Amino acid sequence: MHERFEWYQHRDAMIAFAVRWAPFGGGTVEDIWTEFGLPERVYFLRMRQVLSGPTPPGLDDVSWERLRRVCDERIHLTDPDTPPTDQLPA
């Protein structure tokens, strides 16, 4: 549980990165590694957790949903057997 809170402190930076790169399908593998020191799949799995929360101030629901779609698409590309967020058990 402690590890989750450690990385979660970077939530705002992850959201800003996701917003910046969403029009291009998300950041490149290299940009994700350089920015966060994470493999692509780990970054997008963590983003999925962030995106399961409420829309933060300054973003509208449409943009938040677009980030979810980009995230799900990238997770699916790294592991086609991973179901989209809306198909995961609650």
Protein backbone atom coordinates (compact mmCIF):
# COMPACT_ATOMS: atom_id res chain seq x y z
CA MET A 1 0.00 0.00 0.00
CA HIS A 2 2.86 2.40 0.81
CA GLU A 3 4.26 2.04 -2.74
CA ARG A 4 0.95 3.21 -4.23
CA PHE A 5 1.08 6.44 -2.26
CA GLU A 6 4.70 6.98 -3.22
CA TRP A 7 4.02 7.00 -6.96
CA TYR A 8 0.60 8.58 -6.58
CA GLN A 9 2.25 11.83 -5.48
CA HIS A 10 3.19 12.22 -9.17
CA ARG A 11 -0.48 12.12 -10.19
CA ASP A 12 -0.61 15.74 -11.40
CA ALA A 13 2.54 15.33 -13.49
CA MET A 14 1.13 12.13 -15.00
CA ILE A 15 -2.14 13.86 -15.86
CA ALA A 16 -0.34 16.85 -17.41
CA PHE A 17 1.80 14.49 -19.49
CA ALA A 18 -1.28 12.51 -20.58
CA VAL A 19 -3.16 15.66 -21.58
CA ARG A 20 -0.17 16.94 -23.57
CA TRP A 21 0.26 13.65 -25.43
CA ALA A 22 -3.39 12.54 -25.82
CA PRO A 23 -3.82 14.04 -29.31
CA PHE A 24 -0.92 11.84 -30.44
CA GLY A 25 -2.13 8.61 -28.83
CA GLY A 26 -0.10 9.02 -25.64
CA GLY A 27 3.60 9.62 -25.13
CA THR A 28 6.27 7.59 -26.81
CA VAL A 29 7.96 4.76 -24.94
CA GLU A 30 11.09 6.91 -24.73
CA ASP A 31 9.24 9.99 -23.46
CA ILE A 32 7.45 7.96 -20.77
CA TRP A 33 10.75 6.46 -19.65
CA THR A 34 12.52 9.84 -19.63
CA GLU A 35 9.71 11.62 -17.78
CA PHE A 36 8.79 8.94 -15.22
CA GLY A 37 11.42 6.20 -15.38
CA LEU A 38 8.68 3.68 -16.09
CA PRO A 39 8.07 1.12 -18.79
CA GLU A 40 5.12 2.00 -21.02
CA ARG A 41 2.80 -0.66 -19.60
CA VAL A 42 3.46 0.33 -15.97
CA TYR A 43 2.80 4.00 -16.76
CA PHE A 44 -0.52 3.25 -18.44
CA LEU A 45 -1.62 0.83 -15.72
CA ARG A 46 -0.94 3.55 -13.15
CA MET A 47 -2.74 6.09 -15.32
CA ARG A 48 -5.72 3.74 -15.41
CA GLN A 49 -5.82 3.97 -11.61
CA VAL A 50 -5.58 7.76 -11.72
CA LEU A 51 -8.28 7.96 -14.39
CA SER A 52 -10.66 5.83 -12.33
CA GLY A 53 -10.99 8.79 -9.96
CA PRO A 54 -12.98 11.98 -10.37
CA THR A 55 -12.22 14.50 -13.06
CA PRO A 56 -9.76 17.03 -11.58
CA PRO A 57 -10.40 20.78 -11.65
CA GLY A 58 -9.45 22.32 -14.97
CA LEU A 59 -10.43 19.30 -17.09
CA ASP A 60 -13.85 18.58 -18.50
CA ASP A 61 -15.49 15.15 -18.53
CA VAL A 62 -15.00 14.79 -22.31
CA SER A 63 -11.23 15.30 -22.00
CA TRP A 64 -11.06 12.93 -19.03
CA GLU A 65 -12.89 10.26 -21.04
CA ARG A 66 -10.51 10.80 -23.98
CA LEU A 67 -7.58 10.18 -21.63
CA ARG A 68 -9.25 6.94 -20.51
CA ARG A 69 -9.65 5.81 -24.12
CA VAL A 70 -6.00 6.57 -24.94
CA CYS A 71 -4.92 4.73 -21.79
CA ASP A 72 -7.04 1.68 -22.58
CA GLU A 73 -5.80 1.59 -26.18
CA ARG A 74 -2.17 1.68 -25.06
CA ILE A 75 -2.70 -0.99 -22.41
CA HIS A 76 -4.40 -3.15 -25.03
CA LEU A 77 -1.44 -2.67 -27.39
CA THR A 78 0.99 -3.85 -24.69
CA ASP A 79 -1.28 -6.78 -23.71
CA PRO A 80 -4.25 -7.54 -25.98
CA ASP A 81 -5.74 -9.81 -23.28
CA THR A 82 -6.25 -6.88 -20.85
CA PRO A 83 -9.92 -5.84 -20.93
CA PRO A 84 -10.95 -2.19 -21.24
CA THR A 85 -11.68 -0.35 -17.99
CA ASP A 86 -15.44 -0.63 -18.41
CA GLN A 87 -15.13 -4.43 -18.55
CA LEU A 88 -13.10 -4.80 -15.36
CA PRO A 89 -14.79 -5.98 -12.17
CA ALA A 90 -15.57 -3.15 -9.73
